[in-house]
């Protein structure tokens, strides 16, 4: 349009891609997982104990796993760059 408002085109519209479908399925599964694990449980962190819903422990384990994966991937990438620069 002439007045500066964007016109909808095929590329900017919402499309159901396999990635979006998988993301939606994972989100639905996550909500079901949380609702199925609302019961409180005792958690021993070696230095202290606490009580929390089980889904909090599951989310904490996922976060720690993600963080470790990210850190090890960064170390691997750094080593690959270093060996490529040395060759």
PDB file of N, CA and C in Angstrom:
ATOM      1  N   UNK A   1       0.834  -1.191   0.000  1.00  0.00           N
ATOM      2  CA  UNK A   1       0.000   0.000   0.000  1.00  0.00           C
ATOM      3  C   UNK A   1       0.870   1.243   0.000  1.00  0.00           C
ATOM      4  N   UNK A   2       0.292   2.322  -0.399  1.00  0.00           N
ATOM      5  CA  UNK A   2       1.011   3.580  -0.510  1.00  0.00           C
ATOM      6  C   UNK A   2       1.188   4.246   0.850  1.00  0.00           C
ATOM      7  N   UNK A   3       0.281   4.035   1.802  1.00  0.00           N
ATOM      8  CA  UNK A   3       0.342   4.746   3.083  1.00  0.00           C
ATOM      9  C   UNK A   3       1.361   4.165   4.060  1.00  0.00           C
ATOM     10  N   UNK A   4       2.131   3.176   3.681  1.00  0.00           N
ATOM     11  CA  UNK A   4       3.197   2.653   4.525  1.00  0.00           C
ATOM     12  C   UNK A   4       2.804   1.452   5.371  1.00  0.00           C
ATOM     13  N   UNK A   5       1.560   1.037   5.331  1.00  0.00           N
ATOM     14  CA  UNK A   5       1.172  -0.155   6.087  1.00  0.00           C
ATOM     15  C   UNK A   5       1.615  -1.380   5.315  1.00  0.00           C
ATOM     16  N   UNK A   6       2.169  -2.343   6.039  1.00  0.00           N
ATOM     17  CA  UNK A   6       2.664  -3.531   5.334  1.00  0.00           C
ATOM     18  C   UNK A   6       1.514  -4.370   4.789  1.00  0.00           C
ATOM     19  N   UNK A   7       1.740  -4.904   3.638  1.00  0.00           N
ATOM     20  CA  UNK A   7       0.735  -5.795   3.048  1.00  0.00           C
ATOM     21  C   UNK A   7       1.142  -7.228   3.337  1.00  0.00           C
ATOM     22  N   UNK A   8       0.193  -8.060   3.679  1.00  0.00           N
ATOM     23  CA  UNK A   8       0.559  -9.449   3.971  1.00  0.00           C
ATOM     24  C   UNK A   8       0.981 -10.170   2.702  1.00  0.00           C
ATOM     25  N   UNK A   9       2.089 -10.850   2.786  1.00  0.00           N
ATOM     26  CA  UNK A   9       2.522 -11.665   1.664  1.00  0.00           C
ATOM     27  C   UNK A   9       2.702 -13.099   2.150  1.00  0.00           C
ATOM     28  N   UNK A  10       2.985 -13.987   1.258  1.00  0.00           N
ATOM     29  CA  UNK A  10       3.052 -15.396   1.597  1.00  0.00           C
ATOM     30  C   UNK A  10       4.218 -15.717   2.528  1.00  0.00           C
ATOM     31  N   UNK A  11       5.313 -14.993   2.442  1.00  0.00           N
ATOM     32  CA  UNK A  11       6.485 -15.298   3.257  1.00  0.00           C
ATOM     33  C   UNK A  11       6.332 -14.842   4.699  1.00  0.00           C
ATOM     34  N   UNK A  12       5.570 -13.790   4.973  1.00  0.00           N
ATOM     35  CA  UNK A  12       5.451 -13.299   6.343  1.00  0.00           C
ATOM     36  C   UNK A  12       4.282 -13.926   7.081  1.00  0.00           C
ATOM     37  N   UNK A  13       3.449 -14.691   6.412  1.00  0.00           N
ATOM     38  CA  UNK A  13       2.306 -15.330   7.050  1.00  0.00           C
ATOM     39  C   UNK A  13       2.732 -16.532   7.874  1.00  0.00           C
ATOM     40  N   UNK A  14       1.852 -16.965   8.757  1.00  0.00           N
ATOM     41  CA  UNK A  14       2.130 -18.123   9.601  1.00  0.00           C
ATOM     42  C   UNK A  14       1.960 -19.407   8.798  1.00  0.00           C
ATOM     43  N   UNK A  15       2.946 -20.271   8.888  1.00  0.00           N
ATOM     44  CA  UNK A  15       2.877 -21.570   8.215  1.00  0.00           C
ATOM     45  C   UNK A  15       3.214 -22.663   9.212  1.00  0.00           C
ATOM     46  N   UNK A  16       2.547 -23.792   9.070  1.00  0.00           N
ATOM     47  CA  UNK A  16       2.844 -24.948   9.917  1.00  0.00           C
ATOM     48  C   UNK A  16       4.042 -25.688   9.335  1.00  0.00           C
ATOM     49  N   UNK A  17       5.198 -25.445   9.892  1.00  0.00           N
ATOM     50  CA  UNK A  17       6.400 -26.147   9.462  1.00  0.00           C
ATOM     51  C   UNK A  17       6.633 -27.332  10.393  1.00  0.00           C
ATOM     52  N   UNK A  18       7.402 -28.315   9.967  1.00  0.00           N
ATOM     53  CA  UNK A  18       7.697 -29.444  10.855  1.00  0.00           C
ATOM     54  C   UNK A  18       8.338 -29.001  12.171  1.00  0.00           C
ATOM     55  N   UNK A  19       9.154 -27.970  12.114  1.00  0.00           N
ATOM     56  CA  UNK A  19       9.803 -27.464  13.329  1.00  0.00           C
ATOM     57  C   UNK A  19       8.773 -26.883  14.294  1.00  0.00           C
ATOM     58  N   UNK A  20       7.807 -26.137  13.789  1.00  0.00           N
ATOM     59  CA  UNK A  20       6.764 -25.563  14.644  1.00  0.00           C
ATOM     60  C   UNK A  20       5.850 -26.646  15.201  1.00  0.00           C
ATOM     61  N   UNK A  21       5.582 -27.663  14.419  1.00  0.00           N
ATOM     62  CA  UNK A  21       4.753 -28.769  14.900  1.00  0.00           C
ATOM     63  C   UNK A  21       5.469 -29.496  16.037  1.00  0.00           C
ATOM     64  N   UNK A  22       6.758 -29.762  15.870  1.00  0.00           N
ATOM     65  CA  UNK A  22       7.528 -30.420  16.926  1.00  0.00           C
ATOM     66  C   UNK A  22       7.611 -29.544  18.175  1.00  0.00           C
ATOM     67  N   UNK A  23       7.813 -28.252  17.991  1.00  0.00           N
ATOM     68  CA  UNK A  23       7.857 -27.338  19.135  1.00  0.00           C
ATOM     69  C   UNK A  23       6.530 -27.344  19.872  1.00  0.00           C
ATOM     70  N   UNK A  24       5.435 -27.331  19.143  1.00  0.00           N
ATOM     71  CA  UNK A  24       4.114 -27.384  19.766  1.00  0.00           C
ATOM     72  C   UNK A  24       3.903 -28.684  20.522  1.00  0.00           C
ATOM     73  N   UNK A  25       4.331 -29.791  19.931  1.00  0.00           N
ATOM     74  CA  UNK A  25       4.195 -31.087  20.594  1.00  0.00           C
ATOM     75  C   UNK A  25       5.025 -31.142  21.871  1.00  0.00           C
ATOM     76  N   UNK A  26       6.236 -30.598  21.825  1.00  0.00           N
ATOM     77  CA  UNK A  26       7.093 -30.579  23.013  1.00  0.00           C
ATOM     78  C   UNK A  26       6.487 -29.687  24.090  1.00  0.00           C
ATOM     79  N   UNK A  27       5.923 -28.560  23.703  1.00  0.00           N
ATOM     80  CA  UNK A  27       5.295 -27.669  24.684  1.00  0.00           C
ATOM     81  C   UNK A  27       4.079 -28.328  25.332  1.00  0.00           C
ATOM     82  N   UNK A  28       3.264 -28.992  24.537  1.00  0.00           N
ATOM     83  CA  UNK A  28       2.100 -29.702  25.096  1.00  0.00           C
ATOM     84  C   UNK A  28       2.574 -30.803  26.037  1.00  0.00           C
ATOM     85  N   UNK A  29       3.585 -31.551  25.632  1.00  0.00           N
ATOM     86  CA  UNK A  29       4.130 -32.605  26.488  1.00  0.00           C
ATOM     87  C   UNK A  29       4.673 -32.014  27.786  1.00  0.00           C
ATOM     88  N   UNK A  30       5.343 -30.873  27.703  1.00  0.00           N
ATOM     89  CA  UNK A  30       5.871 -30.218  28.902  1.00  0.00           C
ATOM     90  C   UNK A  30       4.772 -29.819  29.870  1.00  0.00           C
ATOM     91  N   UNK A  31       3.680 -29.287  29.360  1.00  0.00           N
ATOM     92  CA  UNK A  31       2.554 -28.902  30.221  1.00  0.00           C
ATOM     93  C   UNK A  31       1.949 -30.134  30.877  1.00  0.00           C
ATOM     94  N   UNK A  32       1.785 -31.207  30.114  1.00  0.00           N
ATOM     95  CA  UNK A  32       1.248 -32.452  30.681  1.00  0.00           C
ATOM     96  C   UNK A  32       2.203 -33.002  31.738  1.00  0.00           C
ATOM     97  N   UNK A  33       3.495 -32.951  31.479  1.00  0.00           N
ATOM     98  CA  UNK A  33       4.499 -33.416  32.428  1.00  0.00           C
ATOM     99  C   UNK A  33       4.426 -32.631  33.729  1.00  0.00           C
ATOM    100  N   UNK A  34       4.284 -31.325  33.632  1.00  0.00           N
ATOM    101  CA  UNK A  34       4.180 -30.486  34.827  1.00  0.00           C
ATOM    102  C   UNK A  34       2.911 -30.819  35.603  1.00  0.00           C
ATOM    103  N   UNK A  35       1.786 -30.933  34.913  1.00  0.00           N
ATOM    104  CA  UNK A  35       0.525 -31.214  35.592  1.00  0.00           C
ATOM    105  C   UNK A  35       0.514 -32.604  36.229  1.00  0.00           C
ATOM    106  N   UNK A  36       1.260 -33.533  35.669  1.00  0.00           N
ATOM    107  CA  UNK A  36       1.308 -34.882  36.224  1.00  0.00           C
ATOM    108  C   UNK A  36       2.278 -34.996  37.397  1.00  0.00           C
ATOM    109  N   UNK A  37       3.113 -33.986  37.623  1.00  0.00           N
ATOM    110  CA  UNK A  37       4.140 -34.055  38.665  1.00  0.00           C
ATOM    111  C   UNK A  37       4.070 -32.868  39.610  1.00  0.00           C
ATOM    112  N   UNK A  38       2.900 -32.563  40.110  1.00  0.00           N
ATOM    113  CA  UNK A  38       2.727 -31.453  41.049  1.00  0.00           C
ATOM    114  C   UNK A  38       3.002 -31.862  42.500  1.00  0.00           C
ATOM    115  N   UNK A  39       3.135 -33.155  42.750  1.00  0.00           N
ATOM    116  CA  UNK A  39       3.363 -33.657  44.102  1.00  0.00           C
ATOM    117  C   UNK A  39       4.715 -33.173  44.633  1.00  0.00           C
ATOM    118  N   UNK A  40       4.769 -32.796  45.915  1.00  0.00           N
ATOM    119  CA  UNK A  40       6.020 -32.367  46.532  1.00  0.00           C
ATOM    120  C   UNK A  40       6.891 -33.572  46.860  1.00  0.00           C
ATOM    121  N   UNK A  41       8.181 -33.379  46.740  1.00  0.00           N
ATOM    122  CA  UNK A  41       9.131 -34.430  47.062  1.00  0.00           C
ATOM    123  C   UNK A  41      10.336 -33.810  47.762  1.00  0.00           C
ATOM    124  N   UNK A  42      11.027 -34.604  48.552  1.00  0.00           N
ATOM    125  CA  UNK A  42      12.221 -34.136  49.252  1.00  0.00           C
ATOM    126  C   UNK A  42      13.413 -34.258  48.312  1.00  0.00           C
ATOM    127  N   UNK A  43      14.188 -33.208  48.222  1.00  0.00           N
ATOM    128  CA  UNK A  43      15.353 -33.170  47.333  1.00  0.00           C
ATOM    129  C   UNK A  43      16.596 -32.950  48.181  1.00  0.00           C
ATOM    130  N   UNK A  44      17.595 -33.797  48.013  1.00  0.00           N
ATOM    131  CA  UNK A  44      18.852 -33.682  48.743  1.00  0.00           C
ATOM    132  C   UNK A  44      19.907 -33.131  47.790  1.00  0.00           C
ATOM    133  N   UNK A  45      20.385 -31.906  48.072  1.00  0.00           N
ATOM    134  CA  UNK A  45      21.417 -31.263  47.255  1.00  0.00           C
ATOM    135  C   UNK A  45      22.803 -31.432  47.874  1.00  0.00           C
ATOM    136  N   UNK A  46      23.055 -32.491  48.599  1.00  0.00           N
ATOM    137  CA  UNK A  46      24.283 -32.852  49.292  1.00  0.00           C
ATOM    138  C   UNK A  46      24.535 -31.925  50.480  1.00  0.00           C
ATOM    139  N   UNK A  47      24.521 -30.622  50.275  1.00  0.00           N
ATOM    140  CA  UNK A  47      24.801 -29.687  51.355  1.00  0.00           C
ATOM    141  C   UNK A  47      23.539 -29.243  52.094  1.00  0.00           C
ATOM    142  N   UNK A  48      22.385 -29.428  51.505  1.00  0.00           N
ATOM    143  CA  UNK A  48      21.125 -29.061  52.140  1.00  0.00           C
ATOM    144  C   UNK A  48      19.990 -29.866  51.530  1.00  0.00           C
ATOM    145  N   UNK A  49      18.896 -29.934  52.268  1.00  0.00           N
ATOM    146  CA  UNK A  49      17.684 -30.612  51.801  1.00  0.00           C
ATOM    147  C   UNK A  49      16.579 -29.586  51.626  1.00  0.00           C
ATOM    148  N   UNK A  50      15.678 -29.868  50.709  1.00  0.00           N
ATOM    149  CA  UNK A  50      14.524 -29.005  50.501  1.00  0.00           C
ATOM    150  C   UNK A  50      13.360 -29.846  50.005  1.00  0.00           C
ATOM    151  N   UNK A  51      12.205 -29.255  49.998  1.00  0.00           N
ATOM    152  CA  UNK A  51      11.024 -29.911  49.468  1.00  0.00           C
ATOM    153  C   UNK A  51      10.454 -29.024  48.367  1.00  0.00           C
ATOM    154  N   UNK A  52      10.173 -29.633  47.228  1.00  0.00           N
ATOM    155  CA  UNK A  52       9.664 -28.867  46.083  1.00  0.00           C
ATOM    156  C   UNK A  52       8.815 -29.797  45.228  1.00  0.00           C
ATOM    157  N   UNK A  53       7.973 -29.211  44.378  1.00  0.00           N
ATOM    158  CA  UNK A  53       7.235 -30.061  43.437  1.00  0.00           C
ATOM    159  C   UNK A  53       8.202 -30.819  42.522  1.00  0.00           C
ATOM    160  N   UNK A  54       7.825 -32.006  42.152  1.00  0.00           N
ATOM    161  CA  UNK A  54       8.689 -32.852  41.335  1.00  0.00           C
ATOM    162  C   UNK A  54       9.020 -32.214  39.992  1.00  0.00           C
ATOM    163  N   UNK A  55       8.078 -31.440  39.419  1.00  0.00           N
ATOM    164  CA  UNK A  55       8.365 -30.824  38.121  1.00  0.00           C
ATOM    165  C   UNK A  55       9.486 -29.794  38.227  1.00  0.00           C
ATOM    166  N   UNK A  56       9.673 -29.194  39.410  1.00  0.00           N
ATOM    167  CA  UNK A  56      10.781 -28.249  39.594  1.00  0.00           C
ATOM    168  C   UNK A  56      12.105 -28.992  39.485  1.00  0.00           C
ATOM    169  N   UNK A  57      12.168 -30.178  40.074  1.00  0.00           N
ATOM    170  CA  UNK A  57      13.374 -30.987  39.969  1.00  0.00           C
ATOM    171  C   UNK A  57      13.638 -31.407  38.523  1.00  0.00           C
ATOM    172  N   UNK A  58      12.582 -31.762  37.807  1.00  0.00           N
ATOM    173  CA  UNK A  58      12.732 -32.141  36.396  1.00  0.00           C
ATOM    174  C   UNK A  58      13.236 -30.949  35.579  1.00  0.00           C
ATOM    175  N   UNK A  59      12.657 -29.766  35.796  1.00  0.00           N
ATOM    176  CA  UNK A  59      13.101 -28.566  35.073  1.00  0.00           C
ATOM    177  C   UNK A  59      14.537 -28.203  35.439  1.00  0.00           C
ATOM    178  N   UNK A  60      14.905 -28.373  36.707  1.00  0.00           N
ATOM    179  CA  UNK A  60      16.278 -28.103  37.131  1.00  0.00           C
ATOM    180  C   UNK A  60      17.251 -29.059  36.448  1.00  0.00           C
ATOM    181  N   UNK A  61      16.892 -30.332  36.358  1.00  0.00           N
ATOM    182  CA  UNK A  61      17.751 -31.306  35.686  1.00  0.00           C
ATOM    183  C   UNK A  61      17.894 -30.970  34.200  1.00  0.00           C
ATOM    184  N   UNK A  62      16.794 -30.555  33.560  1.00  0.00           N
ATOM    185  CA  UNK A  62      16.869 -30.157  32.156  1.00  0.00           C
ATOM    186  C   UNK A  62      17.762 -28.931  31.971  1.00  0.00           C
ATOM    187  N   UNK A  63      17.657 -27.961  32.878  1.00  0.00           N
ATOM    188  CA  UNK A  63      18.474 -26.754  32.782  1.00  0.00           C
ATOM    189  C   UNK A  63      19.954 -27.078  32.969  1.00  0.00           C
ATOM    190  N   UNK A  64      20.275 -27.926  33.935  1.00  0.00           N
ATOM    191  CA  UNK A  64      21.672 -28.314  34.154  1.00  0.00           C
ATOM    192  C   UNK A  64      22.197 -29.081  32.941  1.00  0.00           C
ATOM    193  N   UNK A  65      21.392 -29.976  32.390  1.00  0.00           N
ATOM    194  CA  UNK A  65      21.802 -30.711  31.195  1.00  0.00           C
ATOM    195  C   UNK A  65      22.036 -29.790  30.009  1.00  0.00           C
ATOM    196  N   UNK A  66      21.144 -28.813  29.827  1.00  0.00           N
ATOM    197  CA  UNK A  66      21.321 -27.849  28.747  1.00  0.00           C
ATOM    198  C   UNK A  66      22.602 -27.044  28.943  1.00  0.00           C
ATOM    199  N   UNK A  67      22.836 -26.586  30.171  1.00  0.00           N
ATOM    200  CA  UNK A  67      24.031 -25.799  30.468  1.00  0.00           C
ATOM    201  C   UNK A  67      25.303 -26.611  30.220  1.00  0.00           C
ATOM    202  N   UNK A  68      25.323 -27.863  30.667  1.00  0.00           N
ATOM    203  CA  UNK A  68      26.500 -28.698  30.435  1.00  0.00           C
ATOM    204  C   UNK A  68      26.718 -28.963  28.946  1.00  0.00           C
ATOM    205  N   UNK A  69      25.651 -29.217  28.218  1.00  0.00           N
ATOM    206  CA  UNK A  69      25.773 -29.418  26.780  1.00  0.00           C
ATOM    207  C   UNK A  69      26.308 -28.189  26.075  1.00  0.00           C
ATOM    208  N   UNK A  70      25.833 -27.028  26.476  1.00  0.00           N
ATOM    209  CA  UNK A  70      26.290 -25.770  25.891  1.00  0.00           C
ATOM    210  C   UNK A  70      27.767 -25.538  26.200  1.00  0.00           C
ATOM    211  N   UNK A  71      28.174 -25.794  27.459  1.00  0.00           N
ATOM    212  CA  UNK A  71      29.572 -25.586  27.840  1.00  0.00           C
ATOM    213  C   UNK A  71      30.498 -26.537  27.098  1.00  0.00           C
ATOM    214  N   UNK A  72      30.121 -27.826  27.021  1.00  0.00           N
ATOM    215  CA  UNK A  72      30.983 -28.790  26.335  1.00  0.00           C
ATOM    216  C   UNK A  72      31.023 -28.534  24.833  1.00  0.00           C
ATOM    217  N   UNK A  73      29.935 -28.058  24.262  1.00  0.00           N
ATOM    218  CA  UNK A  73      29.943 -27.716  22.845  1.00  0.00           C
ATOM    219  C   UNK A  73      30.867 -26.533  22.595  1.00  0.00           C
ATOM    220  N   UNK A  74      30.881 -25.577  23.511  1.00  0.00           N
ATOM    221  CA  UNK A  74      31.774 -24.428  23.386  1.00  0.00           C
ATOM    222  C   UNK A  74      33.230 -24.864  23.482  1.00  0.00           C
ATOM    223  N   UNK A  75      33.528 -25.777  24.381  1.00  0.00           N
ATOM    224  CA  UNK A  75      34.900 -26.287  24.511  1.00  0.00           C
ATOM    225  C   UNK A  75      35.304 -27.029  23.241  1.00  0.00           C
ATOM    226  N   UNK A  76      34.398 -27.853  22.702  1.00  0.00           N
ATOM    227  CA  UNK A  76      34.692 -28.592  21.472  1.00  0.00           C
ATOM    228  C   UNK A  76      34.934 -27.645  20.302  1.00  0.00           C
ATOM    229  N   UNK A  77      34.110 -26.618  20.205  1.00  0.00           N
ATOM    230  CA  UNK A  77      34.264 -25.652  19.113  1.00  0.00           C
ATOM    231  C   UNK A  77      35.577 -24.887  19.249  1.00  0.00           C
ATOM    232  N   UNK A  78      35.943 -24.540  20.463  1.00  0.00           N
ATOM    233  CA  UNK A  78      37.206 -23.832  20.690  1.00  0.00           C
ATOM    234  C   UNK A  78      38.388 -24.693  20.281  1.00  0.00           C
ATOM    235  N   UNK A  79      38.348 -25.992  20.643  1.00  0.00           N
ATOM    236  CA  UNK A  79      39.429 -26.898  20.258  1.00  0.00           C
ATOM    237  C   UNK A  79      39.489 -27.053  18.738  1.00  0.00           C
ATOM    238  N   UNK A  80      38.353 -27.123  18.085  1.00  0.00           N
ATOM    239  CA  UNK A  80      38.332 -27.251  16.627  1.00  0.00           C
ATOM    240  C   UNK A  80      38.915 -26.023  15.966  1.00  0.00           C
ATOM    241  N   UNK A  81      38.576 -24.831  16.483  1.00  0.00           N
ATOM    242  CA  UNK A  81      39.155 -23.598  15.922  1.00  0.00           C
ATOM    243  C   UNK A  81      40.655 -23.542  16.144  1.00  0.00           C
ATOM    244  N   UNK A  82      41.096 -23.990  17.307  1.00  0.00           N
ATOM    245  CA  UNK A  82      42.520 -23.961  17.625  1.00  0.00           C
ATOM    246  C   UNK A  82      43.300 -24.927  16.730  1.00  0.00           C
ATOM    247  N   UNK A  83      42.750 -26.121  16.495  1.00  0.00           N
ATOM    248  CA  UNK A  83      43.441 -27.081  15.635  1.00  0.00           C
ATOM    249  C   UNK A  83      43.402 -26.637  14.170  1.00  0.00           C
ATOM    250  N   UNK A  84      42.336 -25.964  13.755  1.00  0.00           N
ATOM    251  CA  UNK A  84      42.268 -25.459  12.382  1.00  0.00           C
ATOM    252  C   UNK A  84      43.253 -24.316  12.176  1.00  0.00           C
ATOM    253  N   UNK A  85      43.454 -23.493  13.202  1.00  0.00           N
ATOM    254  CA  UNK A  85      44.392 -22.377  13.085  1.00  0.00           C
ATOM    255  C   UNK A  85      45.834 -22.880  13.114  1.00  0.00           C
ATOM    256  N   UNK A  86      46.072 -23.987  13.797  1.00  0.00           N
ATOM    257  CA  UNK A  86      47.423 -24.539  13.884  1.00  0.00           C
ATOM    258  C   UNK A  86      47.844 -25.328  12.673  1.00  0.00           C
ATOM    259  N   UNK A  87      46.895 -25.721  11.829  1.00  0.00           N
ATOM    260  CA  UNK A  87      47.216 -26.536  10.654  1.00  0.00           C
ATOM    261  C   UNK A  87      47.767 -25.717   9.528  1.00  0.00           C
TER     262      UNK A  87
END
